[in-house]
Amino acid sequence: MIDRACISINNRCNLNCTYCHFHTSEKAEYLAEAEMNVFSILDNIKHHVDKYNIEVFKLGFVGNGEPLLDYEALHEYIEYISDYLSAGRIAAYTITNGTLITDEMLDFFKEHKVNVGFSIDGIPEIHNKLRCNTHSEVMHAIELYHSVNGCYPSMNCTVGRDALKTAEDTISFFEPFNSRITFSRMIGTDGISLDEFRCFLDKAKQKLNVRTGGYDCTMYGGMCGAGINNIFYANGNVYLCGNCVDLPPIAKADTPIDRIKPDIPEFDRNTCFKESQGL
């Protein structure tokens, strides 16, 4: 049963992080802007939640770009599902690079119970090397979140070779915040193996509240949920996940969710579907 989805509301970003697996030459042709009616998708999700009496549907406004570049549209999407958010039927979140956030945005997200995660790759030396020298900006945004919400936000950290070499420093960086941390495995030419990533996670779990999840994504330390419980909307289509936007779509974006039944071969769900197929 599909009970989570991500909607990529744009394909644009104001940064050019070195490891971004969306904006590569291999995937560029798949990220051309295409018309997609997000309100229709939200209607589809609400209908699905009601039809199957889903207790909580997890919905991310994330994907191929920086969502706050289209904040006005995001604002409308959140208001459109505000009754489901207030009732707890939909748990929405977004993830930002932190360079565009304002206290007005944070007040709005807080009012509508939308979780805001911040991408920050730990210590300044690593973050600045990989994420366009923005560490101080992101830290300012994180402190702004704290001033609005009285706690620190969830954070997302991508783990690559540099983080493995400085694992203790990377983990220690997040300890003072006492918030939930999602570590993501760096993939692509500079990526690390699943075994290396899981060894890092085992260390991090000793000191931090680390998100791994069940059938979600091996990129975050969980099991691959491709074709089971989550889908990814982008460019007018539905994909197995964000890492699969360069594979054939599994449906059009306006397809009723209960009709989305991807035909994929069996595979070891402790591994990434795409990697397991050698794709």
C-alpha atoms as a PDB file:
ATOM      1  CA  MET A   1       0.000   0.000   0.000  1.00  0.00           C
ATOM      2  CA  ILE A   2       1.433   3.363  -1.035  1.00  0.00           C
ATOM      3  CA  ASP A   3       1.456   5.615   2.011  1.00  0.00           C
ATOM      4  CA  ARG A   4       4.215   8.072   1.176  1.00  0.00           C
ATOM      5  CA  ALA A   5       5.141  10.255  -1.765  1.00  0.00           C
ATOM      6  CA  CYS A   6       7.491  13.038  -2.744  1.00  0.00           C
ATOM      7  CA  ILE A   7       6.523  15.813  -5.106  1.00  0.00           C
ATOM      8  CA  SER A   8       9.325  17.621  -6.901  1.00  0.00           C
ATOM      9  CA  ILE A   9       7.815  21.066  -7.306  1.00  0.00           C
ATOM     10  CA  ASN A  10      10.723  22.356  -9.384  1.00  0.00           C
ATOM     11  CA  ASN A  11      14.001  21.400 -11.039  1.00  0.00           C
ATOM     12  CA  ARG A  12      15.917  24.502 -10.013  1.00  0.00           C
ATOM     13  CA  CYS A  13      18.482  25.139  -7.317  1.00  0.00           C
ATOM     14  CA  ASN A  14      20.455  28.201  -6.278  1.00  0.00           C
ATOM     15  CA  LEU A  15      23.468  26.040  -5.373  1.00  0.00           C
ATOM     16  CA  ASN A  16      25.631  23.651  -7.345  1.00  0.00           C
ATOM     17  CA  CYS A  17      26.728  21.063  -4.792  1.00  0.00           C
ATOM     18  CA  THR A  18      29.523  18.859  -6.054  1.00  0.00           C
ATOM     19  CA  TYR A  19      27.781  15.553  -5.351  1.00  0.00           C
ATOM     20  CA  CYS A  20      24.229  16.363  -6.464  1.00  0.00           C
ATOM     21  CA  HIS A  21      22.908  13.237  -8.181  1.00  0.00           C
ATOM     22  CA  PHE A  22      20.059  15.100  -9.856  1.00  0.00           C
ATOM     23  CA  HIS A  23      21.921  17.740 -11.804  1.00  0.00           C
ATOM     24  CA  THR A  24      24.448  15.611 -13.651  1.00  0.00           C
ATOM     25  CA  SER A  25      25.090  15.407 -17.374  1.00  0.00           C
ATOM     26  CA  GLU A  26      23.609  11.904 -17.343  1.00  0.00           C
ATOM     27  CA  LYS A  27      20.310  13.066 -15.859  1.00  0.00           C
ATOM     28  CA  ALA A  28      20.050  16.552 -17.357  1.00  0.00           C
ATOM     29  CA  GLU A  29      17.801  15.459 -20.237  1.00  0.00           C
ATOM     30  CA  TYR A  30      15.339  13.924 -17.769  1.00  0.00           C
ATOM     31  CA  LEU A  31      14.994  17.110 -15.720  1.00  0.00           C
ATOM     32  CA  ALA A  32      13.534  19.398 -18.346  1.00  0.00           C
ATOM     33  CA  GLU A  33      10.595  21.313 -16.928  1.00  0.00           C
ATOM     34  CA  ALA A  34       7.249  19.768 -17.826  1.00  0.00           C
ATOM     35  CA  GLU A  35       3.773  20.819 -16.842  1.00  0.00           C
ATOM     36  CA  MET A  36       2.483  19.044 -13.741  1.00  0.00           C
ATOM     37  CA  ASN A  37      -0.724  19.887 -11.907  1.00  0.00           C
ATOM     38  CA  VAL A  38       0.276  19.592  -8.254  1.00  0.00           C
ATOM     39  CA  PHE A  39      -3.246  20.408  -7.062  1.00  0.00           C
ATOM     40  CA  SER A  40      -4.531  17.400  -9.003  1.00  0.00           C
ATOM     41  CA  ILE A  41      -1.872  15.244  -7.362  1.00  0.00           C
ATOM     42  CA  LEU A  42      -2.919  16.532  -3.947  1.00  0.00           C
ATOM     43  CA  ASP A  43      -6.559  15.731  -4.743  1.00  0.00           C
ATOM     44  CA  ASN A  44      -5.426  12.257  -5.724  1.00  0.00           C
ATOM     45  CA  ILE A  45      -3.556  11.833  -2.434  1.00  0.00           C
ATOM     46  CA  LYS A  46      -6.494  13.065  -0.343  1.00  0.00           C
ATOM     47  CA  HIS A  47      -8.836  10.681  -2.153  1.00  0.00           C
ATOM     48  CA  HIS A  48      -6.382   7.823  -1.572  1.00  0.00           C
ATOM     49  CA  VAL A  49      -6.099   8.648   2.140  1.00  0.00           C
ATOM     50  CA  ASP A  50      -9.889   8.665   2.521  1.00  0.00           C
ATOM     51  CA  LYS A  51     -10.592   5.619   0.358  1.00  0.00           C
ATOM     52  CA  TYR A  52      -8.160   3.388   2.239  1.00  0.00           C
ATOM     53  CA  ASN A  53      -8.494   5.091   5.621  1.00  0.00           C
ATOM     54  CA  ILE A  54      -4.743   5.627   5.796  1.00  0.00           C
ATOM     55  CA  GLU A  55      -3.829   6.780   9.275  1.00  0.00           C
ATOM     56  CA  VAL A  56      -0.918   8.989   8.209  1.00  0.00           C
ATOM     57  CA  PHE A  57       0.258   9.627   4.665  1.00  0.00           C
ATOM     58  CA  LYS A  58       3.802  11.012   4.524  1.00  0.00           C
ATOM     59  CA  LEU A  59       4.247  13.686   1.885  1.00  0.00           C
ATOM     60  CA  GLY A  60       7.466  15.438   0.978  1.00  0.00           C
ATOM     61  CA  PHE A  61       7.648  18.637  -1.034  1.00  0.00           C
ATOM     62  CA  VAL A  62      11.195  17.895  -2.131  1.00  0.00           C
ATOM     63  CA  GLY A  63      12.999  16.483  -5.102  1.00  0.00           C
ATOM     64  CA  ASN A  64      15.038  17.786  -7.965  1.00  0.00           C
ATOM     65  CA  GLY A  65      15.570  21.342  -6.753  1.00  0.00           C
ATOM     66  CA  GLU A  66      15.405  23.824  -3.883  1.00  0.00           C
ATOM     67  CA  PRO A  67      11.688  24.052  -2.986  1.00  0.00           C
ATOM     68  CA  LEU A  68      11.931  27.510  -1.445  1.00  0.00           C
ATOM     69  CA  LEU A  69      12.767  28.971  -4.845  1.00  0.00           C
ATOM     70  CA  ASP A  70       9.057  28.398  -5.469  1.00  0.00           C
ATOM     71  CA  TYR A  71       7.821  29.306  -2.014  1.00  0.00           C
ATOM     72  CA  GLU A  72       4.661  31.046  -3.245  1.00  0.00           C
ATOM     73  CA  ALA A  73       3.542  27.853  -4.994  1.00  0.00           C
ATOM     74  CA  LEU A  74       4.571  25.735  -2.002  1.00  0.00           C
ATOM     75  CA  HIS A  75       2.542  28.052   0.240  1.00  0.00           C
ATOM     76  CA  GLU A  76      -0.545  27.406  -1.912  1.00  0.00           C
ATOM     77  CA  TYR A  77      -0.009  23.633  -1.926  1.00  0.00           C
ATOM     78  CA  ILE A  78       0.250  23.516   1.848  1.00  0.00           C
ATOM     79  CA  GLU A  79      -2.856  25.633   2.329  1.00  0.00           C
ATOM     80  CA  TYR A  80      -4.705  23.358  -0.099  1.00  0.00           C
ATOM     81  CA  ILE A  81      -4.196  20.354   2.210  1.00  0.00           C
ATOM     82  CA  SER A  82      -4.330  22.309   5.465  1.00  0.00           C
ATOM     83  CA  ASP A  83      -7.338  20.399   6.801  1.00  0.00           C
ATOM     84  CA  TYR A  84      -5.525  17.075   6.348  1.00  0.00           C
ATOM     85  CA  LEU A  85      -2.404  18.525   7.949  1.00  0.00           C
ATOM     86  CA  SER A  86      -4.242  19.855  10.990  1.00  0.00           C
ATOM     87  CA  ALA A  87      -6.050  16.524  11.410  1.00  0.00           C
ATOM     88  CA  GLY A  88      -2.773  14.613  11.174  1.00  0.00           C
ATOM     89  CA  ARG A  89      -3.952  12.585   8.156  1.00  0.00           C
ATOM     90  CA  ILE A  90      -1.064  13.927   6.075  1.00  0.00           C
ATOM     91  CA  ALA A  91       2.378  14.510   7.590  1.00  0.00           C
ATOM     92  CA  ALA A  92       4.166  16.925   5.284  1.00  0.00           C
ATOM     93  CA  TYR A  93       7.783  17.974   5.174  1.00  0.00           C
ATOM     94  CA  THR A  94      10.210  19.857   3.034  1.00  0.00           C
ATOM     95  CA  ILE A  95      13.988  19.949   2.904  1.00  0.00           C
ATOM     96  CA  THR A  96      15.917  23.123   2.184  1.00  0.00           C
ATOM     97  CA  ASN A  97      19.532  24.137   1.739  1.00  0.00           C
ATOM     98  CA  GLY A  98      18.810  26.898   4.248  1.00  0.00           C
ATOM     99  CA  THR A  99      19.946  29.871   2.204  1.00  0.00           C
ATOM    100  CA  LEU A 100      16.480  31.300   1.476  1.00  0.00           C
ATOM    101  CA  ILE A 101      14.539  30.701   4.686  1.00  0.00           C
ATOM    102  CA  THR A 102      12.852  33.555   6.530  1.00  0.00           C
ATOM    103  CA  ASP A 103      11.063  33.805   9.862  1.00  0.00           C
ATOM    104  CA  GLU A 104       7.825  34.423   7.943  1.00  0.00           C
ATOM    105  CA  MET A 105       8.252  31.087   6.142  1.00  0.00           C
ATOM    106  CA  LEU A 106       9.072  29.330   9.396  1.00  0.00           C
ATOM    107  CA  ASP A 107       5.980  30.770  11.074  1.00  0.00           C
ATOM    108  CA  PHE A 108       3.846  29.480   8.212  1.00  0.00           C
ATOM    109  CA  PHE A 109       5.373  25.998   8.312  1.00  0.00           C
ATOM    110  CA  LYS A 110       4.931  25.865  12.069  1.00  0.00           C
ATOM    111  CA  GLU A 111       1.281  26.923  11.821  1.00  0.00           C
ATOM    112  CA  HIS A 112       0.569  24.145   9.317  1.00  0.00           C
ATOM    113  CA  LYS A 113       2.651  21.454  11.040  1.00  0.00           C
ATOM    114  CA  VAL A 114       5.067  21.085   8.142  1.00  0.00           C
ATOM    115  CA  ASN A 115       8.447  19.736   9.182  1.00  0.00           C
ATOM    116  CA  VAL A 116      11.411  21.625   7.750  1.00  0.00           C
ATOM    117  CA  GLY A 117      14.685  19.760   7.385  1.00  0.00           C
ATOM    118  CA  PHE A 118      17.990  21.476   6.688  1.00  0.00           C
ATOM    119  CA  SER A 119      20.790  20.054   4.576  1.00  0.00           C
ATOM    120  CA  ILE A 120      24.092  20.503   6.360  1.00  0.00           C
ATOM    121  CA  ASP A 121      27.101  18.243   5.964  1.00  0.00           C
ATOM    122  CA  GLY A 122      28.546  18.532   9.446  1.00  0.00           C
ATOM    123  CA  ILE A 123      31.774  20.387  10.108  1.00  0.00           C
ATOM    124  CA  PRO A 124      32.496  23.545   8.061  1.00  0.00           C
ATOM    125  CA  GLU A 125      35.525  22.094   6.282  1.00  0.00           C
ATOM    126  CA  ILE A 126      33.467  19.350   4.654  1.00  0.00           C
ATOM    127  CA  HIS A 127      30.234  21.280   4.154  1.00  0.00           C
ATOM    128  CA  ASN A 128      31.938  24.239   2.514  1.00  0.00           C
ATOM    129  CA  LYS A 129      33.941  21.983   0.216  1.00  0.00           C
ATOM    130  CA  LEU A 130      30.831  20.165  -1.009  1.00  0.00           C
ATOM    131  CA  ARG A 131      28.041  22.711  -0.602  1.00  0.00           C
ATOM    132  CA  CYS A 132      29.318  25.984  -2.050  1.00  0.00           C
ATOM    133  CA  ASN A 133      30.779  27.594   1.112  1.00  0.00           C
ATOM    134  CA  THR A 134      27.359  28.021   2.721  1.00  0.00           C
ATOM    135  CA  HIS A 135      27.997  26.593   6.219  1.00  0.00           C
ATOM    136  CA  SER A 136      27.636  29.921   8.035  1.00  0.00           C
ATOM    137  CA  GLU A 137      24.417  30.737   6.127  1.00  0.00           C
ATOM    138  CA  VAL A 138      22.875  27.385   6.992  1.00  0.00           C
ATOM    139  CA  MET A 139      23.876  27.690  10.633  1.00  0.00           C
ATOM    140  CA  HIS A 140      22.217  31.103  10.752  1.00  0.00           C
ATOM    141  CA  ALA A 141      19.053  29.564   9.292  1.00  0.00           C
ATOM    142  CA  ILE A 142      19.152  26.742  11.839  1.00  0.00           C
ATOM    143  CA  GLU A 143      19.407  29.246  14.676  1.00  0.00           C
ATOM    144  CA  LEU A 144      16.501  31.178  13.154  1.00  0.00           C
ATOM    145  CA  TYR A 145      14.463  27.962  13.179  1.00  0.00           C
ATOM    146  CA  HIS A 146      15.383  27.511  16.848  1.00  0.00           C
ATOM    147  CA  SER A 147      14.225  31.017  17.703  1.00  0.00           C
ATOM    148  CA  VAL A 148      10.832  30.386  16.042  1.00  0.00           C
ATOM    149  CA  ASN A 149      10.230  26.831  17.223  1.00  0.00           C
ATOM    150  CA  GLY A 150      12.123  26.575  20.517  1.00  0.00           C
ATOM    151  CA  CYS A 151      14.029  23.496  19.307  1.00  0.00           C
ATOM    152  CA  TYR A 152      16.476  22.630  16.582  1.00  0.00           C
ATOM    153  CA  PRO A 153      15.269  21.214  13.262  1.00  0.00           C
ATOM    154  CA  SER A 154      15.842  17.831  11.741  1.00  0.00           C
ATOM    155  CA  MET A 155      18.973  17.835   9.615  1.00  0.00           C
ATOM    156  CA  ASN A 156      20.193  15.958   6.565  1.00  0.00           C
ATOM    157  CA  CYS A 157      23.858  15.128   6.102  1.00  0.00           C
ATOM    158  CA  THR A 158      25.313  13.427   3.041  1.00  0.00           C
ATOM    159  CA  VAL A 159      28.031  10.918   3.876  1.00  0.00           C
ATOM    160  CA  GLY A 160      30.872  10.533   1.414  1.00  0.00           C
ATOM    161  CA  ARG A 161      34.607   9.867   1.619  1.00  0.00           C
ATOM    162  CA  ASP A 162      35.338  13.045   3.556  1.00  0.00           C
ATOM    163  CA  ALA A 163      32.753  12.237   6.212  1.00  0.00           C
ATOM    164  CA  LEU A 164      34.083   8.689   6.560  1.00  0.00           C
ATOM    165  CA  LYS A 165      37.598  10.027   7.154  1.00  0.00           C
ATOM    166  CA  THR A 166      36.329  12.382   9.868  1.00  0.00           C
ATOM    167  CA  ALA A 167      33.486  10.244  11.193  1.00  0.00           C
ATOM    168  CA  GLU A 168      33.943  11.179  14.851  1.00  0.00           C
ATOM    169  CA  ASP A 169      34.038  14.913  14.091  1.00  0.00           C
ATOM    170  CA  THR A 170      31.019  14.654  11.789  1.00  0.00           C
ATOM    171  CA  ILE A 171      28.993  12.796  14.398  1.00  0.00           C
ATOM    172  CA  SER A 172      30.098  15.094  17.206  1.00  0.00           C
ATOM    173  CA  PHE A 173      29.000  18.137  15.234  1.00  0.00           C
ATOM    174  CA  PHE A 174      25.354  17.074  15.489  1.00  0.00           C
ATOM    175  CA  GLU A 175      25.331  16.075  19.177  1.00  0.00           C
ATOM    176  CA  PRO A 176      24.565  19.521  20.684  1.00  0.00           C
ATOM    177  CA  PHE A 177      21.389  19.965  18.638  1.00  0.00           C
ATOM    178  CA  ASN A 178      19.565  16.955  20.108  1.00  0.00           C
ATOM    179  CA  SER A 179      17.499  16.631  16.930  1.00  0.00           C
ATOM    180  CA  ARG A 180      16.772  13.904  14.428  1.00  0.00           C
ATOM    181  CA  ILE A 181      19.515  13.416  11.862  1.00  0.00           C
ATOM    182  CA  THR A 182      19.114  11.790   8.468  1.00  0.00           C
ATOM    183  CA  PHE A 183      22.381  10.608   7.005  1.00  0.00           C
ATOM    184  CA  SER A 184      22.302  10.043   3.252  1.00  0.00           C
ATOM    185  CA  ARG A 185      24.699   7.827   1.370  1.00  0.00           C
ATOM    186  CA  MET A 186      26.580   9.678  -1.322  1.00  0.00           C
ATOM    187  CA  ILE A 187      26.066   7.899  -4.643  1.00  0.00           C
ATOM    188  CA  GLY A 188      27.570   8.332  -8.079  1.00  0.00           C
ATOM    189  CA  THR A 189      31.223   8.525  -9.060  1.00  0.00           C
ATOM    190  CA  ASP A 190      32.333   9.807  -5.649  1.00  0.00           C
ATOM    191  CA  GLY A 191      29.910   7.643  -3.702  1.00  0.00           C
ATOM    192  CA  ILE A 192      30.498   5.096  -0.970  1.00  0.00           C
ATOM    193  CA  SER A 193      29.307   1.507  -0.664  1.00  0.00           C
ATOM    194  CA  LEU A 194      26.310   0.386   1.360  1.00  0.00           C
ATOM    195  CA  ASP A 195      28.606  -1.518   3.726  1.00  0.00           C
ATOM    196  CA  GLU A 196      30.711   1.580   4.360  1.00  0.00           C
ATOM    197  CA  PHE A 197      27.584   3.637   4.903  1.00  0.00           C
ATOM    198  CA  ARG A 198      26.055   1.179   7.341  1.00  0.00           C
ATOM    199  CA  CYS A 199      29.262   1.047   9.372  1.00  0.00           C
ATOM    200  CA  PHE A 200      29.082   4.831   9.660  1.00  0.00           C
ATOM    201  CA  LEU A 201      25.421   4.647  10.709  1.00  0.00           C
ATOM    202  CA  ASP A 202      26.245   2.121  13.436  1.00  0.00           C
ATOM    203  CA  LYS A 203      28.722   4.610  14.916  1.00  0.00           C
ATOM    204  CA  ALA A 204      26.297   7.517  14.608  1.00  0.00           C
ATOM    205  CA  LYS A 205      23.457   5.621  16.303  1.00  0.00           C
ATOM    206  CA  GLN A 206      25.529   5.331  19.464  1.00  0.00           C
ATOM    207  CA  LYS A 207      25.339   9.100  19.984  1.00  0.00           C
ATOM    208  CA  LEU A 208      22.545  10.504  17.803  1.00  0.00           C
ATOM    209  CA  ASN A 209      18.864  10.115  17.012  1.00  0.00           C
ATOM    210  CA  VAL A 210      19.396   8.729  13.518  1.00  0.00           C
ATOM    211  CA  ARG A 211      16.580   8.198  11.046  1.00  0.00           C
ATOM    212  CA  THR A 212      16.738   4.904   9.175  1.00  0.00           C
ATOM    213  CA  GLY A 213      13.156   3.735   8.738  1.00  0.00           C
ATOM    214  CA  GLY A 214      11.747   0.485   7.397  1.00  0.00           C
ATOM    215  CA  TYR A 215      10.731   0.223   3.748  1.00  0.00           C
ATOM    216  CA  ASP A 216      11.901   3.625   2.681  1.00  0.00           C
ATOM    217  CA  CYS A 217      15.276   3.951   1.004  1.00  0.00           C
ATOM    218  CA  THR A 218      18.720   2.389   1.385  1.00  0.00           C
ATOM    219  CA  MET A 219      20.125   5.854   0.757  1.00  0.00           C
ATOM    220  CA  TYR A 220      18.936   6.752   4.271  1.00  0.00           C
ATOM    221  CA  GLY A 221      19.815   3.458   5.917  1.00  0.00           C
ATOM    222  CA  GLY A 222      16.465   1.724   5.534  1.00  0.00           C
ATOM    223  CA  MET A 223      15.282  -0.941   3.132  1.00  0.00           C
ATOM    224  CA  CYS A 224      14.347  -0.190  -0.457  1.00  0.00           C
ATOM    225  CA  GLY A 225      10.627   0.497  -0.738  1.00  0.00           C
ATOM    226  CA  ALA A 226      10.601   0.811  -4.526  1.00  0.00           C
ATOM    227  CA  GLY A 227       7.321  -0.522  -5.829  1.00  0.00           C
ATOM    228  CA  ILE A 228       5.887  -1.103  -2.344  1.00  0.00           C
ATOM    229  CA  ASN A 229       4.929   1.979  -0.400  1.00  0.00           C
ATOM    230  CA  ASN A 230       6.397   5.156  -1.908  1.00  0.00           C
ATOM    231  CA  ILE A 231       6.382   7.053  -5.183  1.00  0.00           C
ATOM    232  CA  PHE A 232       8.069  10.123  -6.632  1.00  0.00           C
ATOM    233  CA  TYR A 233       6.311  12.784  -8.716  1.00  0.00           C
ATOM    234  CA  ALA A 234       8.354  14.871 -11.142  1.00  0.00           C
ATOM    235  CA  ASN A 235       7.956  16.443 -14.581  1.00  0.00           C
ATOM    236  CA  GLY A 236       4.407  15.187 -15.058  1.00  0.00           C
ATOM    237  CA  ASN A 237       5.265  11.576 -14.293  1.00  0.00           C
ATOM    238  CA  VAL A 238       5.508   9.104 -11.422  1.00  0.00           C
ATOM    239  CA  TYR A 239       8.803   7.328 -10.764  1.00  0.00           C
ATOM    240  CA  LEU A 240       9.857   4.567  -8.401  1.00  0.00           C
ATOM    241  CA  CYS A 241      12.007   7.065  -6.485  1.00  0.00           C
ATOM    242  CA  GLY A 242      14.070  10.193  -6.893  1.00  0.00           C
ATOM    243  CA  ASN A 243      17.123   8.201  -7.906  1.00  0.00           C
ATOM    244  CA  CYS A 244      15.139   6.622 -10.752  1.00  0.00           C
ATOM    245  CA  VAL A 245      14.144   9.743 -12.703  1.00  0.00           C
ATOM    246  CA  ASP A 246      16.401   8.574 -15.529  1.00  0.00           C
ATOM    247  CA  LEU A 247      14.486   5.286 -15.753  1.00  0.00           C
ATOM    248  CA  PRO A 248      11.135   4.963 -17.534  1.00  0.00           C
ATOM    249  CA  PRO A 249       8.273   6.426 -15.467  1.00  0.00           C
ATOM    250  CA  ILE A 250       5.829   3.980 -13.908  1.00  0.00           C
ATOM    251  CA  ALA A 251       2.752   6.163 -14.502  1.00  0.00           C
ATOM    252  CA  LYS A 252       1.520   9.600 -15.441  1.00  0.00           C
ATOM    253  CA  ALA A 253       1.164  12.089 -12.588  1.00  0.00           C
ATOM    254  CA  ASP A 254      -2.645  12.116 -12.827  1.00  0.00           C
ATOM    255  CA  THR A 255      -2.963   8.331 -12.416  1.00  0.00           C
ATOM    256  CA  PRO A 256      -5.035   7.308  -9.363  1.00  0.00           C
ATOM    257  CA  ILE A 257      -2.610   6.043  -6.749  1.00  0.00           C
ATOM    258  CA  ASP A 258      -4.270   2.657  -6.350  1.00  0.00           C
ATOM    259  CA  ARG A 259      -3.722   2.039 -10.077  1.00  0.00           C
ATOM    260  CA  ILE A 260       0.024   2.593  -9.805  1.00  0.00           C
ATOM    261  CA  LYS A 261       1.343  -0.952  -9.734  1.00  0.00           C
ATOM    262  CA  PRO A 262       4.934  -1.036 -10.987  1.00  0.00           C
ATOM    263  CA  ASP A 263       6.053  -4.314 -12.497  1.00  0.00           C
ATOM    264  CA  ILE A 264       9.567  -4.767 -11.155  1.00  0.00           C
ATOM    265  CA  PRO A 265      11.529  -7.976 -10.590  1.00  0.00           C
ATOM    266  CA  GLU A 266      12.132  -9.360  -7.117  1.00  0.00           C
ATOM    267  CA  PHE A 267      15.383  -8.239  -5.533  1.00  0.00           C
ATOM    268  CA  ASP A 268      17.145  -8.044  -2.182  1.00  0.00           C
ATOM    269  CA  ARG A 269      15.528  -5.031  -0.507  1.00  0.00           C
ATOM    270  CA  ASN A 270      18.585  -4.501   1.650  1.00  0.00           C
ATOM    271  CA  THR A 271      20.061  -3.132  -1.571  1.00  0.00           C
ATOM    272  CA  CYS A 272      18.977  -0.262  -3.803  1.00  0.00           C
ATOM    273  CA  PHE A 273      16.659  -1.423  -6.614  1.00  0.00           C
ATOM    274  CA  LYS A 274      18.518   0.573  -9.229  1.00  0.00           C
ATOM    275  CA  GLU A 275      21.910  -0.673  -8.109  1.00  0.00           C
ATOM    276  CA  SER A 276      20.646  -4.253  -7.832  1.00  0.00           C
ATOM    277  CA  GLN A 277      19.678  -4.112 -11.507  1.00  0.00           C
ATOM    278  CA  GLY A 278      23.052  -2.713 -12.529  1.00  0.00           C
ATOM    279  CA  LEU A 279      21.417   0.461 -13.776  1.00  0.00           C
END
